[in-house]
Amino acid sequence: MYVVTVTFTIDPESFESFIKLAQENADIAKDDPGCLQFDICWNDKDNQVFFYELYGSEEEFNACLQTEHALIFDQKAEPMIEEKISKIFSQIHMA
């Protein structure tokens, strides 16, 4: 499994708009081929939003990044974001 986490710090005045935009994007992304999970978590006290995304492979994640909904999200969200930290993980399979 290919795991992507993204932590955003959002401009306080844009926080509610960002949450709405993120939810719209996640709802569509969950139907993308290879997207197994797309969770959004938030902390309104720190204006932070956390994405947890799970894909079958890196290629499937990269394909998702090129979808119309992802490109629109990136374009609309960019002015709202103060900081963005992305990390990639591999899921450990326990026997």
Protein backbone atom coordinates (compact mmCIF):
# COMPACT_ATOMS: atom_id res chain seq x y z
CA MET A 1 0.00 0.00 0.00
CA TYR A 2 1.06 3.56 -0.73
CA VAL A 3 0.22 5.99 2.08
CA VAL A 4 0.20 9.77 1.67
CA THR A 5 -0.18 12.23 4.52
CA VAL A 6 -0.48 15.96 4.04
CA THR A 7 -0.64 18.52 6.83
CA PHE A 8 -1.89 21.97 5.88
CA THR A 9 -1.81 25.13 7.95
CA ILE A 10 -4.62 27.29 6.64
CA ASP A 11 -5.10 31.04 6.69
CA PRO A 12 -7.62 31.53 9.55
CA GLU A 13 -9.99 33.57 7.38
CA SER A 14 -10.07 30.77 4.78
CA PHE A 15 -10.41 27.81 7.13
CA GLU A 16 -14.12 27.05 6.57
CA SER A 17 -13.79 27.53 2.80
CA PHE A 18 -10.79 25.20 2.73
CA ILE A 19 -12.65 22.50 4.69
CA LYS A 20 -15.57 22.64 2.25
CA LEU A 21 -13.24 22.50 -0.77
CA ALA A 22 -11.22 19.63 0.74
CA GLN A 23 -14.35 17.62 1.48
CA GLU A 24 -15.64 18.07 -2.06
CA ASN A 25 -12.29 16.89 -3.43
CA ALA A 26 -12.10 13.89 -1.09
CA ASP A 27 -15.65 12.80 -1.92
CA ILE A 28 -14.73 12.63 -5.62
CA ALA A 29 -11.25 11.16 -5.02
CA LYS A 30 -12.71 8.21 -3.13
CA ASP A 31 -14.11 7.01 -6.48
CA ASP A 32 -10.76 7.29 -8.31
CA PRO A 33 -9.23 3.99 -9.40
CA GLY A 34 -6.68 2.91 -6.78
CA CYS A 35 -7.90 5.25 -4.03
CA LEU A 36 -8.69 3.00 -1.09
CA GLN A 37 -9.15 5.68 1.58
CA PHE A 38 -9.17 9.47 1.81
CA ASP A 39 -9.72 10.92 5.28
CA ILE A 40 -9.73 14.55 6.33
CA CYS A 41 -9.02 15.51 9.92
CA TRP A 42 -8.90 19.01 11.29
CA ASN A 43 -7.92 21.10 14.27
CA ASP A 44 -9.67 24.46 14.15
CA LYS A 45 -7.67 25.81 17.11
CA ASP A 46 -4.44 25.57 15.11
CA ASN A 47 -6.01 26.06 11.67
CA GLN A 48 -4.58 22.73 10.58
CA VAL A 49 -6.01 20.10 8.27
CA PHE A 50 -4.58 16.60 7.85
CA PHE A 51 -5.17 14.31 4.87
CA TYR A 52 -4.65 10.56 5.15
CA GLU A 53 -4.75 8.89 1.74
CA LEU A 54 -4.28 5.23 0.93
CA TYR A 55 -3.62 3.94 -2.60
CA GLY A 56 -2.77 0.58 -4.09
CA SER A 57 0.41 1.96 -5.66
CA GLU A 58 2.44 5.10 -6.30
CA GLU A 59 1.26 5.05 -9.92
CA GLU A 60 -2.38 5.14 -8.83
CA PHE A 61 -1.66 8.08 -6.52
CA ASN A 62 0.14 9.95 -9.31
CA ALA A 63 -2.81 9.32 -11.64
CA CYS A 64 -5.15 10.79 -9.02
CA LEU A 65 -3.02 13.94 -8.87
CA GLN A 66 -3.71 14.50 -12.58
CA THR A 67 -7.49 14.27 -12.35
CA GLU A 68 -9.61 17.32 -12.99
CA HIS A 69 -10.89 17.45 -9.41
CA ALA A 70 -7.35 17.32 -7.94
CA LEU A 71 -6.08 20.05 -10.26
CA ILE A 72 -9.05 22.28 -9.42
CA PHE A 73 -8.54 21.65 -5.70
CA ASP A 74 -4.86 22.60 -5.93
CA GLN A 75 -5.65 25.79 -7.84
CA LYS A 76 -8.44 26.95 -5.52
CA ALA A 77 -6.74 25.88 -2.28
CA GLU A 78 -3.29 27.32 -2.95
CA PRO A 79 -4.09 30.91 -1.82
CA MET A 80 -5.61 29.57 1.44
CA ILE A 81 -2.54 27.54 2.47
CA GLU A 82 0.14 29.00 4.73
CA GLU A 83 2.16 25.77 4.98
CA LYS A 84 1.93 22.30 3.40
CA ILE A 85 3.92 19.25 4.51
CA SER A 86 3.57 16.00 2.55
CA LYS A 87 4.98 12.64 3.57
CA ILE A 88 4.92 9.24 1.91
CA PHE A 89 4.81 5.94 3.80
CA SER A 90 4.54 2.26 2.98
CA GLN A 91 2.13 0.16 4.96
CA ILE A 92 3.72 -2.60 7.05
CA HIS A 93 2.02 -5.95 6.65
CA MET A 94 2.10 -7.93 9.86
CA ALA A 95 1.97 -11.74 9.68
